[in-house]
N, C-alpha and C. Protein backbone atom coordinates (compact mmCIF):
# COMPACT_ATOMS: atom_id res chain seq x y z
N MET A 1 185.26 236.36 11.58
CA MET A 1 185.14 235.31 12.50
C MET A 1 186.01 235.51 13.79
N GLN A 2 187.28 235.81 13.41
CA GLN A 2 188.15 236.03 14.57
C GLN A 2 187.77 237.22 15.37
N ASN A 3 187.27 238.29 14.74
CA ASN A 3 186.82 239.40 15.46
C ASN A 3 185.68 239.11 16.37
N LEU A 4 184.77 238.22 15.85
CA LEU A 4 183.61 237.80 16.68
C LEU A 4 184.07 236.98 17.83
N MET A 5 184.96 236.06 17.68
CA MET A 5 185.49 235.25 18.75
C MET A 5 186.17 236.13 19.82
N GLY A 6 186.91 237.11 19.34
CA GLY A 6 187.60 237.99 20.19
C GLY A 6 186.64 238.79 21.12
N ALA A 7 185.57 239.27 20.42
CA ALA A 7 184.66 240.09 21.09
C ALA A 7 183.91 239.23 22.22
N GLN A 8 183.61 237.90 21.85
CA GLN A 8 183.02 237.02 22.84
C GLN A 8 183.93 236.78 24.00
N PHE A 9 185.19 236.54 23.68
CA PHE A 9 186.22 236.35 24.77
C PHE A 9 186.28 237.55 25.75
N LEU A 10 186.36 238.70 25.15
CA LEU A 10 186.45 239.98 25.96
C LEU A 10 185.19 240.09 26.79
N GLY A 11 184.01 239.77 26.26
CA GLY A 11 182.79 239.93 26.97
C GLY A 11 182.73 238.98 28.13
N ARG A 12 183.18 237.74 27.90
CA ARG A 12 183.19 236.75 29.00
C ARG A 12 184.19 237.07 30.07
N SER A 13 185.33 237.68 29.61
CA SER A 13 186.41 238.14 30.56
C SER A 13 185.90 239.16 31.48
N LYS A 14 185.11 240.14 30.91
CA LYS A 14 184.62 241.25 31.73
C LYS A 14 183.58 240.70 32.78
N ILE A 15 182.79 239.72 32.32
CA ILE A 15 181.80 239.15 33.23
C ILE A 15 182.49 238.42 34.36
N PHE A 16 183.56 237.60 34.00
CA PHE A 16 184.34 236.92 35.01
C PHE A 16 184.96 237.84 36.03
N ILE A 17 185.57 238.94 35.52
CA ILE A 17 186.19 239.92 36.40
C ILE A 17 185.18 240.52 37.26
N TYR A 18 183.96 240.84 36.72
CA TYR A 18 182.89 241.43 37.53
C TYR A 18 182.48 240.52 38.72
N ILE A 19 182.37 239.26 38.35
CA ILE A 19 181.92 238.24 39.35
C ILE A 19 182.97 238.13 40.53
N LEU A 20 184.25 238.16 40.08
CA LEU A 20 185.32 238.08 41.09
C LEU A 20 185.27 239.32 41.99
N GLY A 21 185.05 240.51 41.41
CA GLY A 21 185.05 241.69 42.17
C GLY A 21 183.93 241.71 43.10
N LEU A 22 182.77 241.12 42.68
CA LEU A 22 181.55 241.10 43.55
C LEU A 22 181.75 240.17 44.69
N LEU A 23 182.38 238.99 44.42
CA LEU A 23 182.72 238.00 45.51
C LEU A 23 183.65 238.67 46.52
N TRP A 24 184.64 239.37 46.03
CA TRP A 24 185.59 240.06 46.95
C TRP A 24 184.89 241.04 47.79
N LEU A 25 183.98 241.79 47.23
CA LEU A 25 183.24 242.85 47.98
C LEU A 25 182.36 242.25 49.01
N ILE A 26 181.73 241.12 48.70
CA ILE A 26 180.84 240.48 49.62
C ILE A 26 181.70 239.89 50.81
N SER A 27 182.87 239.34 50.51
CA SER A 27 183.68 238.82 51.56
C SER A 27 184.25 239.91 52.55
N VAL A 28 184.58 241.10 51.94
CA VAL A 28 185.06 242.19 52.69
C VAL A 28 183.96 242.73 53.62
N VAL A 29 182.75 242.92 53.07
CA VAL A 29 181.67 243.47 53.83
C VAL A 29 181.17 242.52 54.92
N SER A 30 181.24 241.22 54.67
CA SER A 30 180.70 240.26 55.63
C SER A 30 181.57 240.11 56.88
N VAL A 31 182.82 240.38 56.76
CA VAL A 31 183.71 240.14 57.94
C VAL A 31 183.27 240.91 59.09
N PRO A 32 183.13 242.26 59.05
CA PRO A 32 182.73 243.08 60.20
C PRO A 32 181.42 242.62 60.73
N ILE A 33 180.54 242.19 59.93
CA ILE A 33 179.19 241.80 60.39
C ILE A 33 179.33 240.61 61.35
N SER A 34 180.16 239.67 61.02
CA SER A 34 180.34 238.52 61.84
C SER A 34 181.02 238.87 63.11
N ILE A 35 181.97 239.73 63.08
CA ILE A 35 182.72 240.16 64.33
C ILE A 35 181.81 240.90 65.29
N HIS A 36 180.94 241.80 64.74
CA HIS A 36 180.18 242.64 65.63
C HIS A 36 178.73 242.08 65.64
N ALA A 37 178.59 240.87 65.55
CA ALA A 37 177.22 240.19 65.50
C ALA A 37 176.53 240.28 66.86
N SER A 38 177.21 240.52 67.94
CA SER A 38 176.71 240.62 69.25
C SER A 38 177.40 241.63 70.15
N THR A 39 176.68 242.07 71.20
CA THR A 39 177.31 242.90 72.24
C THR A 39 177.53 242.03 73.45
N ASN A 40 178.73 241.86 73.84
CA ASN A 40 179.05 240.91 74.92
C ASN A 40 179.48 241.69 76.25
N ILE A 41 178.88 241.35 77.31
CA ILE A 41 179.22 241.97 78.64
C ILE A 41 179.63 240.91 79.63
N ILE A 42 180.83 241.08 80.26
CA ILE A 42 181.19 240.29 81.37
C ILE A 42 180.74 241.01 82.66
N PHE A 43 179.97 240.25 83.48
CA PHE A 43 179.59 240.73 84.85
C PHE A 43 180.56 240.09 85.81
N LEU A 44 181.51 240.87 86.28
CA LEU A 44 182.54 240.36 87.22
C LEU A 44 182.24 240.83 88.61
N GLY A 45 181.87 239.95 89.50
CA GLY A 45 181.51 240.35 90.78
C GLY A 45 181.57 239.29 91.87
N ASP A 46 180.80 239.50 92.92
CA ASP A 46 180.81 238.61 94.11
C ASP A 46 179.35 237.98 94.22
N SER A 47 178.97 237.68 95.47
CA SER A 47 177.65 237.05 95.70
C SER A 47 176.50 237.87 95.20
N LEU A 48 176.69 239.25 95.14
CA LEU A 48 175.59 240.12 94.68
C LEU A 48 175.35 239.79 93.22
N THR A 49 176.46 239.65 92.51
CA THR A 49 176.27 239.38 90.97
C THR A 49 175.94 237.89 90.77
N GLU A 50 176.46 237.00 91.63
CA GLU A 50 176.13 235.64 91.50
C GLU A 50 174.67 235.38 91.74
N GLY A 51 174.04 236.16 92.61
CA GLY A 51 172.62 236.10 92.90
C GLY A 51 172.38 235.06 94.04
N LEU A 52 173.27 235.16 95.06
CA LEU A 52 173.16 234.24 96.18
C LEU A 52 171.76 234.31 96.79
N GLY A 53 171.16 233.22 96.99
CA GLY A 53 169.87 233.12 97.60
C GLY A 53 168.58 233.26 96.74
N VAL A 54 168.84 233.53 95.47
CA VAL A 54 167.77 233.60 94.41
C VAL A 54 168.06 232.66 93.31
N LYS A 55 167.08 232.45 92.50
CA LYS A 55 167.23 231.61 91.29
C LYS A 55 168.15 232.34 90.31
N VAL A 56 168.92 231.66 89.55
CA VAL A 56 169.96 232.25 88.65
C VAL A 56 169.14 233.17 87.66
N LYS A 57 168.00 232.81 87.16
CA LYS A 57 167.30 233.60 86.17
C LYS A 57 166.71 234.91 86.80
N ASP A 58 166.70 234.92 88.12
CA ASP A 58 166.17 236.06 88.89
C ASP A 58 167.24 237.04 89.33
N SER A 59 168.55 236.69 89.15
CA SER A 59 169.58 237.59 89.55
C SER A 59 169.70 238.76 88.57
N TYR A 60 170.19 239.89 89.06
CA TYR A 60 170.11 241.09 88.27
C TYR A 60 170.81 241.06 86.94
N PRO A 61 171.89 240.31 86.74
CA PRO A 61 172.45 240.39 85.35
C PRO A 61 171.51 239.77 84.29
N TYR A 62 170.87 238.65 84.69
CA TYR A 62 170.01 238.05 83.70
C TYR A 62 168.68 238.84 83.51
N VAL A 63 168.19 239.35 84.60
CA VAL A 63 166.91 240.21 84.49
C VAL A 63 167.22 241.48 83.66
N ALA A 64 168.39 242.10 83.95
CA ALA A 64 168.85 243.28 83.13
C ALA A 64 168.94 242.96 81.67
N SER A 65 169.52 241.78 81.39
CA SER A 65 169.70 241.32 79.95
C SER A 65 168.32 241.20 79.27
N ASP A 66 167.36 240.55 80.05
CA ASP A 66 166.03 240.34 79.47
C ASP A 66 165.32 241.70 79.19
N ILE A 67 165.54 242.64 80.09
CA ILE A 67 164.91 243.98 79.89
C ILE A 67 165.56 244.66 78.66
N LEU A 68 166.89 244.61 78.52
CA LEU A 68 167.51 245.15 77.37
C LEU A 68 167.09 244.57 76.03
N LYS A 69 166.91 243.28 76.05
CA LYS A 69 166.50 242.56 74.81
C LYS A 69 165.08 242.92 74.52
N SER A 70 164.32 243.18 75.49
CA SER A 70 162.86 243.50 75.22
C SER A 70 162.77 244.92 74.67
N LYS A 71 163.87 245.70 74.87
CA LYS A 71 163.92 247.12 74.37
C LYS A 71 164.54 247.17 73.02
N GLY A 72 164.95 245.97 72.46
CA GLY A 72 165.48 245.98 71.09
C GLY A 72 166.92 245.57 70.95
N LEU A 73 167.65 245.37 72.11
CA LEU A 73 169.01 245.00 72.03
C LEU A 73 169.06 243.45 72.06
N THR A 74 168.48 242.95 71.01
CA THR A 74 168.43 241.41 70.82
C THR A 74 169.70 240.67 70.68
N ASN A 75 170.74 241.40 70.32
CA ASN A 75 172.05 240.73 70.04
C ASN A 75 172.89 240.76 71.34
N LEU A 76 172.38 241.00 72.50
CA LEU A 76 173.13 241.08 73.72
C LEU A 76 173.43 239.69 74.27
N LYS A 77 174.74 239.52 74.64
CA LYS A 77 175.09 238.32 75.32
C LYS A 77 175.94 238.61 76.60
N ILE A 78 175.61 237.81 77.66
CA ILE A 78 176.23 238.16 78.95
C ILE A 78 177.05 236.92 79.42
N ILE A 79 178.08 237.26 80.07
CA ILE A 79 178.87 236.19 80.79
C ILE A 79 178.92 236.58 82.26
N VAL A 80 178.35 235.79 83.14
CA VAL A 80 178.22 236.17 84.50
C VAL A 80 179.30 235.42 85.32
N ASP A 81 180.26 236.19 85.88
CA ASP A 81 181.34 235.61 86.64
C ASP A 81 181.21 236.22 88.05
N GLY A 82 180.26 235.70 88.75
CA GLY A 82 180.06 236.14 90.19
C GLY A 82 180.41 234.99 91.11
N ILE A 83 181.30 235.23 92.09
CA ILE A 83 181.74 234.23 93.00
C ILE A 83 181.46 234.76 94.45
N SER A 84 180.72 234.00 95.16
CA SER A 84 180.39 234.45 96.50
C SER A 84 181.65 234.55 97.45
N GLY A 85 181.77 235.64 98.12
CA GLY A 85 182.84 235.84 99.04
C GLY A 85 184.17 236.40 98.43
N SER A 86 184.11 236.55 97.12
CA SER A 86 185.31 237.07 96.42
C SER A 86 185.55 238.57 96.78
N THR A 87 186.85 238.90 96.80
CA THR A 87 187.26 240.29 96.98
C THR A 87 187.91 240.73 95.68
N SER A 88 188.31 242.01 95.64
CA SER A 88 188.85 242.58 94.44
C SER A 88 190.13 241.97 93.88
N ILE A 89 190.80 241.34 94.85
CA ILE A 89 192.08 240.76 94.44
C ILE A 89 191.96 239.57 93.41
N SER A 90 190.79 238.99 93.39
CA SER A 90 190.53 237.84 92.47
C SER A 90 190.14 238.33 91.09
N GLY A 91 189.82 239.60 91.00
CA GLY A 91 189.23 240.06 89.72
C GLY A 91 190.24 239.97 88.52
N PHE A 92 191.46 240.34 88.72
CA PHE A 92 192.40 240.39 87.62
C PHE A 92 192.65 239.07 87.08
N SER A 93 192.87 238.02 87.90
CA SER A 93 193.14 236.66 87.43
C SER A 93 191.84 236.06 86.79
N ARG A 94 190.72 236.42 87.28
CA ARG A 94 189.53 235.89 86.73
C ARG A 94 189.23 236.51 85.33
N LEU A 95 189.48 237.76 85.20
CA LEU A 95 189.34 238.43 83.82
C LEU A 95 190.37 237.93 82.91
N LYS A 96 191.56 237.74 83.41
CA LYS A 96 192.68 237.27 82.53
C LYS A 96 192.37 235.84 82.03
N ARG A 97 191.77 234.99 82.91
CA ARG A 97 191.43 233.68 82.52
C ARG A 97 190.30 233.69 81.42
N ASN A 98 189.34 234.55 81.56
CA ASN A 98 188.30 234.70 80.58
C ASN A 98 188.90 235.05 79.22
N ILE A 99 189.77 236.05 79.21
CA ILE A 99 190.39 236.43 77.97
C ILE A 99 191.23 235.35 77.36
N LYS A 100 191.99 234.59 78.14
CA LYS A 100 192.86 233.51 77.66
C LYS A 100 191.97 232.41 77.14
N GLN A 101 190.80 232.26 77.68
CA GLN A 101 189.85 231.18 77.20
C GLN A 101 189.14 231.56 75.90
N GLY A 102 189.40 232.83 75.46
CA GLY A 102 188.79 233.27 74.18
C GLY A 102 187.48 233.95 74.38
N VAL A 103 187.12 234.33 75.61
CA VAL A 103 185.89 235.06 75.78
C VAL A 103 186.02 236.43 75.19
N ILE A 104 185.13 236.82 74.25
CA ILE A 104 185.17 238.15 73.61
C ILE A 104 184.21 239.00 74.33
N ALA A 105 184.64 240.16 74.83
CA ALA A 105 183.80 241.07 75.55
C ALA A 105 183.92 242.44 75.02
N ASP A 106 182.82 243.20 75.00
CA ASP A 106 182.81 244.58 74.59
C ASP A 106 182.83 245.46 75.85
N TYR A 107 182.20 244.90 76.86
CA TYR A 107 182.11 245.72 78.15
C TYR A 107 182.39 244.76 79.32
N LEU A 108 183.01 245.42 80.33
CA LEU A 108 183.19 244.71 81.69
C LEU A 108 182.32 245.45 82.70
N PHE A 109 181.47 244.75 83.35
CA PHE A 109 180.63 245.36 84.39
C PHE A 109 181.39 244.99 85.64
N LEU A 110 182.13 245.87 86.16
CA LEU A 110 183.09 245.63 87.32
C LEU A 110 182.42 245.87 88.62
N ALA A 111 181.89 244.79 89.27
CA ALA A 111 181.12 245.01 90.49
C ALA A 111 181.84 244.21 91.65
N LEU A 112 183.07 244.73 92.00
CA LEU A 112 183.85 244.10 93.00
C LEU A 112 184.14 245.11 94.10
N GLY A 113 184.42 244.66 95.34
CA GLY A 113 184.84 245.53 96.43
C GLY A 113 184.08 245.45 97.66
N ALA A 114 182.78 244.97 97.51
CA ALA A 114 181.94 244.98 98.73
C ALA A 114 182.52 244.08 99.88
N ASN A 115 183.07 243.01 99.52
CA ASN A 115 183.67 242.16 100.54
C ASN A 115 185.00 242.74 101.09
N ASP A 116 185.72 243.50 100.29
CA ASP A 116 186.94 244.25 100.82
C ASP A 116 186.47 245.14 101.91
N GLY A 117 185.45 245.83 101.72
CA GLY A 117 184.92 246.84 102.68
C GLY A 117 184.37 246.21 103.90
N LEU A 118 183.66 245.10 103.70
CA LEU A 118 183.00 244.37 104.87
C LEU A 118 184.12 243.74 105.78
N ARG A 119 185.25 243.42 105.17
CA ARG A 119 186.42 242.86 105.92
C ARG A 119 187.42 243.89 106.40
N GLY A 120 187.17 245.15 105.97
CA GLY A 120 188.01 246.22 106.49
C GLY A 120 189.38 246.21 105.80
N LEU A 121 189.55 245.67 104.61
CA LEU A 121 190.77 245.70 103.88
C LEU A 121 191.18 247.12 103.49
N PRO A 122 192.45 247.41 103.33
CA PRO A 122 192.89 248.71 103.12
C PRO A 122 192.30 249.25 101.73
N ASN A 123 191.84 250.48 101.82
CA ASN A 123 191.29 251.05 100.53
C ASN A 123 192.31 251.26 99.45
N LYS A 124 193.58 251.43 99.81
CA LYS A 124 194.61 251.53 98.76
C LYS A 124 194.81 250.23 98.02
N VAL A 125 194.62 249.13 98.71
CA VAL A 125 194.66 247.85 98.08
C VAL A 125 193.49 247.65 97.13
N LEU A 126 192.30 248.00 97.55
CA LEU A 126 191.12 247.98 96.72
C LEU A 126 191.36 248.84 95.40
N TYR A 127 191.86 250.02 95.60
CA TYR A 127 192.13 250.92 94.46
C TYR A 127 193.13 250.20 93.46
N GLY A 128 194.20 249.63 93.96
CA GLY A 128 195.16 249.05 93.24
C GLY A 128 194.62 247.84 92.39
N ASN A 129 193.82 247.02 93.08
CA ASN A 129 193.33 245.81 92.40
C ASN A 129 192.38 246.17 91.29
N LEU A 130 191.40 247.13 91.53
CA LEU A 130 190.52 247.55 90.55
C LEU A 130 191.24 248.28 89.39
N ASP A 131 192.28 248.98 89.69
CA ASP A 131 193.00 249.70 88.68
C ASP A 131 193.69 248.72 87.73
N LYS A 132 194.25 247.63 88.24
CA LYS A 132 194.86 246.58 87.39
C LYS A 132 193.79 245.96 86.48
N ILE A 133 192.60 245.73 86.97
CA ILE A 133 191.52 245.15 86.18
C ILE A 133 191.08 246.09 85.10
N ILE A 134 191.02 247.37 85.39
CA ILE A 134 190.65 248.31 84.39
C ILE A 134 191.72 248.44 83.24
N ASN A 135 193.02 248.43 83.67
CA ASN A 135 194.07 248.47 82.72
C ASN A 135 194.01 247.28 81.78
N LEU A 136 193.85 246.12 82.33
CA LEU A 136 193.82 244.91 81.60
C LEU A 136 192.68 244.90 80.54
N SER A 137 191.53 245.44 81.00
CA SER A 137 190.35 245.59 80.19
C SER A 137 190.69 246.48 78.93
N LEU A 138 191.22 247.67 79.23
CA LEU A 138 191.45 248.61 78.20
C LEU A 138 192.47 248.11 77.21
N LYS A 139 193.43 247.38 77.63
CA LYS A 139 194.48 246.85 76.79
C LYS A 139 193.86 245.84 75.87
N ASN A 140 192.80 245.20 76.22
CA ASN A 140 192.08 244.22 75.41
C ASN A 140 190.87 244.81 74.76
N ASN A 141 190.86 246.13 74.63
CA ASN A 141 189.68 246.87 74.02
C ASN A 141 188.32 246.54 74.59
N ILE A 142 188.28 246.46 75.86
CA ILE A 142 187.07 246.25 76.64
C ILE A 142 186.71 247.47 77.43
N LYS A 143 185.60 248.01 77.11
CA LYS A 143 185.13 249.17 77.91
C LYS A 143 184.69 248.72 79.27
N VAL A 144 184.80 249.66 80.29
CA VAL A 144 184.58 249.19 81.63
C VAL A 144 183.48 250.13 82.32
N ILE A 145 182.53 249.43 82.92
CA ILE A 145 181.58 250.04 83.87
C ILE A 145 182.05 249.89 85.27
N ILE A 146 182.57 250.89 85.93
CA ILE A 146 182.93 250.77 87.33
C ILE A 146 181.63 250.90 88.13
N VAL A 147 181.44 249.91 88.95
CA VAL A 147 180.22 249.84 89.75
C VAL A 147 180.54 250.20 91.26
N GLY A 148 180.05 251.30 91.64
CA GLY A 148 180.32 251.85 92.99
C GLY A 148 179.66 250.94 94.09
N MET A 149 180.34 250.84 95.20
CA MET A 149 179.87 250.21 96.43
C MET A 149 179.94 251.07 97.56
N GLN A 150 179.14 250.76 98.56
CA GLN A 150 179.14 251.44 99.88
C GLN A 150 179.19 250.44 101.01
N VAL A 151 179.82 250.88 102.12
CA VAL A 151 179.84 249.88 103.27
C VAL A 151 179.38 250.69 104.53
N PRO A 152 178.95 249.95 105.49
CA PRO A 152 178.47 250.56 106.76
C PRO A 152 179.73 251.13 107.47
N THR A 153 179.46 251.83 108.54
CA THR A 153 180.58 252.56 109.23
C THR A 153 181.17 251.72 110.34
N ASN A 154 181.16 250.43 110.20
CA ASN A 154 181.73 249.50 111.18
C ASN A 154 183.16 249.90 111.48
N TYR A 155 183.92 250.28 110.47
CA TYR A 155 185.31 250.58 110.65
C TYR A 155 185.59 252.09 110.71
N GLY A 156 184.48 252.77 110.98
CA GLY A 156 184.67 254.25 111.13
C GLY A 156 184.15 254.99 109.84
N ILE A 157 183.68 256.20 110.14
CA ILE A 157 183.09 256.99 109.10
C ILE A 157 184.17 257.33 108.01
N GLU A 158 185.38 257.60 108.43
CA GLU A 158 186.47 257.96 107.51
C GLU A 158 186.70 256.79 106.52
N TYR A 159 186.81 255.60 107.03
CA TYR A 159 187.02 254.44 106.21
C TYR A 159 185.94 254.26 105.22
N SER A 160 184.73 254.43 105.65
CA SER A 160 183.57 254.25 104.79
C SER A 160 183.53 255.29 103.66
N GLN A 161 183.81 256.52 104.05
CA GLN A 161 183.91 257.60 102.97
C GLN A 161 184.99 257.37 101.95
N GLU A 162 186.18 257.04 102.47
CA GLU A 162 187.31 256.73 101.62
C GLU A 162 186.98 255.56 100.72
N PHE A 163 186.31 254.60 101.24
CA PHE A 163 185.95 253.43 100.42
C PHE A 163 185.08 253.83 99.22
N SER A 164 184.07 254.60 99.46
CA SER A 164 183.22 255.01 98.35
C SER A 164 183.99 255.89 97.35
N GLU A 165 184.96 256.65 97.79
CA GLU A 165 185.68 257.54 96.98
C GLU A 165 186.57 256.81 95.99
N VAL A 166 186.94 255.53 96.31
CA VAL A 166 187.86 254.69 95.47
C VAL A 166 187.23 254.65 94.03
N TYR A 167 186.02 254.36 93.98
CA TYR A 167 185.37 254.17 92.68
C TYR A 167 185.31 255.53 91.88
N LYS A 168 185.05 256.57 92.61
CA LYS A 168 184.94 257.90 91.98
C LYS A 168 186.34 258.29 91.50
N ASP A 169 187.36 258.04 92.26
CA ASP A 169 188.73 258.42 91.90
C ASP A 169 189.18 257.65 90.66
N LEU A 170 188.83 256.35 90.62
CA LEU A 170 189.20 255.54 89.48
C LEU A 170 188.50 256.05 88.23
N TYR A 171 187.32 256.47 88.31
CA TYR A 171 186.51 257.00 87.19
C TYR A 171 187.17 258.30 86.68
N LYS A 172 187.55 259.16 87.66
CA LYS A 172 188.17 260.45 87.29
C LYS A 172 189.54 260.17 86.49
N LYS A 173 190.20 259.13 86.93
CA LYS A 173 191.48 258.76 86.32
C LYS A 173 191.30 258.42 84.84
N TYR A 174 190.25 257.63 84.57
CA TYR A 174 190.04 257.14 83.20
C TYR A 174 189.01 257.75 82.37
N ARG A 175 188.33 258.75 82.95
CA ARG A 175 187.16 259.37 82.23
C ARG A 175 187.57 259.91 80.86
N SER A 176 188.74 260.41 80.73
CA SER A 176 189.15 261.05 79.48
C SER A 176 189.28 260.03 78.31
N THR A 177 189.37 258.70 78.66
CA THR A 177 189.49 257.69 77.63
C THR A 177 188.15 257.53 76.90
N ASN A 178 187.04 257.96 77.50
CA ASN A 178 185.71 257.71 76.99
C ASN A 178 185.37 256.25 76.82
N LYS A 179 186.13 255.41 77.56
CA LYS A 179 185.85 253.95 77.50
C LYS A 179 185.59 253.43 78.98
N VAL A 180 185.48 254.39 79.93
CA VAL A 180 185.21 253.95 81.34
C VAL A 180 184.06 254.74 81.83
N PHE A 181 183.10 254.09 82.46
CA PHE A 181 181.82 254.76 82.95
C PHE A 181 181.70 254.36 84.44
N LEU A 182 180.84 255.14 85.12
CA LEU A 182 180.61 254.98 86.58
C LEU A 182 179.16 254.86 86.85
N LEU A 183 178.81 253.69 87.42
CA LEU A 183 177.43 253.50 88.00
C LEU A 183 177.67 253.79 89.53
N ASN A 184 177.06 254.83 90.03
CA ASN A 184 177.43 255.29 91.38
C ASN A 184 177.30 254.20 92.50
N PHE A 185 176.16 253.48 92.50
CA PHE A 185 175.94 252.53 93.54
C PHE A 185 175.05 251.35 93.10
N LEU A 186 175.67 250.15 93.17
CA LEU A 186 174.90 248.99 92.68
C LEU A 186 173.54 248.81 93.40
N LEU A 187 173.54 249.03 94.72
CA LEU A 187 172.34 248.69 95.53
C LEU A 187 171.49 249.92 95.69
N GLU A 188 171.49 250.89 94.80
CA GLU A 188 170.66 252.09 94.88
C GLU A 188 169.18 251.70 95.09
N GLY A 189 168.54 252.20 96.13
CA GLY A 189 167.13 251.88 96.29
C GLY A 189 166.82 250.53 96.92
N VAL A 190 167.88 249.78 97.21
CA VAL A 190 167.73 248.36 97.73
C VAL A 190 168.38 248.26 99.11
N ALA A 191 169.54 248.82 99.25
CA ALA A 191 170.28 248.69 100.53
C ALA A 191 169.46 249.13 101.69
N GLN A 192 169.51 248.37 102.73
CA GLN A 192 168.78 248.69 104.05
C GLN A 192 167.26 248.69 103.93
N ASN A 193 166.76 248.17 102.88
CA ASN A 193 165.23 248.04 102.70
C ASN A 193 164.90 246.61 102.98
N PRO A 194 164.26 246.34 104.15
CA PRO A 194 163.92 244.94 104.53
C PRO A 194 163.04 244.22 103.55
N HIS A 195 162.21 244.97 102.82
CA HIS A 195 161.40 244.32 101.86
C HIS A 195 162.07 243.86 100.61
N LEU A 196 163.25 244.37 100.33
CA LEU A 196 163.98 244.03 99.18
C LEU A 196 165.21 243.22 99.38
N ASN A 197 165.41 242.79 100.72
CA ASN A 197 166.62 242.04 100.98
C ASN A 197 166.23 240.74 101.73
N GLN A 198 167.09 239.82 101.74
CA GLN A 198 166.91 238.57 102.44
C GLN A 198 167.11 238.81 103.95
N THR A 199 166.96 237.80 104.74
CA THR A 199 166.95 237.93 106.21
C THR A 199 168.25 238.40 106.77
N ASP A 200 169.36 238.13 105.94
CA ASP A 200 170.69 238.60 106.40
C ASP A 200 170.86 240.13 106.34
N GLY A 201 169.95 240.77 105.59
CA GLY A 201 170.02 242.20 105.44
C GLY A 201 171.12 242.67 104.48
N ILE A 202 171.76 241.79 103.79
CA ILE A 202 172.84 242.14 102.90
C ILE A 202 172.56 241.79 101.48
N HIS A 203 172.00 240.59 101.28
CA HIS A 203 171.81 240.08 99.89
C HIS A 203 170.33 240.38 99.45
N PRO A 204 170.20 240.98 98.34
CA PRO A 204 168.84 241.31 97.78
C PRO A 204 168.05 240.07 97.60
N ASN A 205 166.71 240.09 97.80
CA ASN A 205 165.82 239.05 97.42
C ASN A 205 165.42 239.21 95.93
N THR A 206 164.44 238.45 95.46
CA THR A 206 164.02 238.55 94.07
C THR A 206 163.60 239.91 93.65
N LYS A 207 162.85 240.51 94.56
CA LYS A 207 162.28 241.89 94.31
C LYS A 207 163.49 242.90 94.25
N GLY A 208 164.43 242.68 95.16
CA GLY A 208 165.59 243.54 95.19
C GLY A 208 166.39 243.47 93.92
N HIS A 209 166.54 242.20 93.43
CA HIS A 209 167.32 242.02 92.20
C HIS A 209 166.53 242.68 91.03
N SER A 210 165.28 242.64 91.04
CA SER A 210 164.49 243.35 90.00
C SER A 210 164.80 244.84 89.98
N VAL A 211 164.78 245.46 91.17
CA VAL A 211 165.07 246.91 91.25
C VAL A 211 166.50 247.15 90.69
N ILE A 212 167.49 246.36 91.07
CA ILE A 212 168.81 246.50 90.60
C ILE A 212 168.86 246.36 89.14
N ALA A 213 168.22 245.34 88.60
CA ALA A 213 168.16 245.08 87.17
C ALA A 213 167.65 246.29 86.37
N ASN A 214 166.58 246.89 86.84
CA ASN A 214 166.03 248.06 86.15
C ASN A 214 167.01 249.24 86.19
N ASN A 215 167.74 249.42 87.28
CA ASN A 215 168.71 250.51 87.37
C ASN A 215 169.89 250.22 86.39
N VAL A 216 170.35 248.99 86.44
CA VAL A 216 171.45 248.60 85.56
C VAL A 216 171.14 248.67 84.05
N SER A 217 169.93 248.21 83.74
CA SER A 217 169.51 248.17 82.26
C SER A 217 169.31 249.60 81.80
N ASP A 218 168.79 250.48 82.65
CA ASP A 218 168.70 251.90 82.28
C ASP A 218 170.05 252.45 81.97
N PHE A 219 170.99 252.20 82.85
CA PHE A 219 172.33 252.74 82.72
C PHE A 219 172.99 252.21 81.42
N LEU A 220 172.99 250.85 81.26
CA LEU A 220 173.60 250.25 80.11
C LEU A 220 172.95 250.66 78.81
N ALA A 221 171.65 250.90 78.80
CA ALA A 221 170.99 251.39 77.52
C ALA A 221 171.56 252.65 77.05
N LYS A 222 172.01 253.51 77.97
CA LYS A 222 172.59 254.82 77.57
C LYS A 222 174.00 254.78 76.97
N ILE A 223 174.76 253.71 77.33
CA ILE A 223 176.11 253.69 76.89
C ILE A 223 176.44 252.65 75.86
N ILE A 224 175.60 251.60 75.74
CA ILE A 224 175.91 250.58 74.75
C ILE A 224 175.61 251.10 73.34
N LYS A 225 176.67 251.03 72.43
CA LYS A 225 176.53 251.54 71.10
C LYS A 225 176.80 250.45 70.08
């Protein structure tokens, strides 16, 4: 009788231990799934990113997001932080605020600098401001897409060329991290095309944003993992 009771007790103990082990395994496995449930991208920019003059849903970040989701990236979430008229100096504090507010991001789409160039601000200042933003991103385990800009030669050809090189130089500096990428020019195929821009000749219209969105989504599809 005692042997039978002992055998029953041992059997129940093994089942109990097995259930505990199974529950522990489920809890361990489920944690990463909840953390990596989505791919989050912050679009940090100016009026081009804000979508000045077009409906919010027609601005390139949202159209690009829709394209990527239609291609299977259904877990994509975007945070659009575009402020009209902003220069690169605002980027650091804006990103820092997002991080402090608990915004979780996997990628930063860094699309600032156009207004710096239009105002003729020193290219060294632009470099320094963007460098700080990239540093802050990497320290918070956020990968960065540096988005190149170009400006007219209002302040001279040399200024315009040096301006464009800022983005390339920053990419060269961080390329070895494998966490920083370069999209050469945000307005590729759109700049100076009257059919794709509003009457001011600067801000893309709905069709222009669609072109940008296609370029951006193609680029992001290659790097998002």
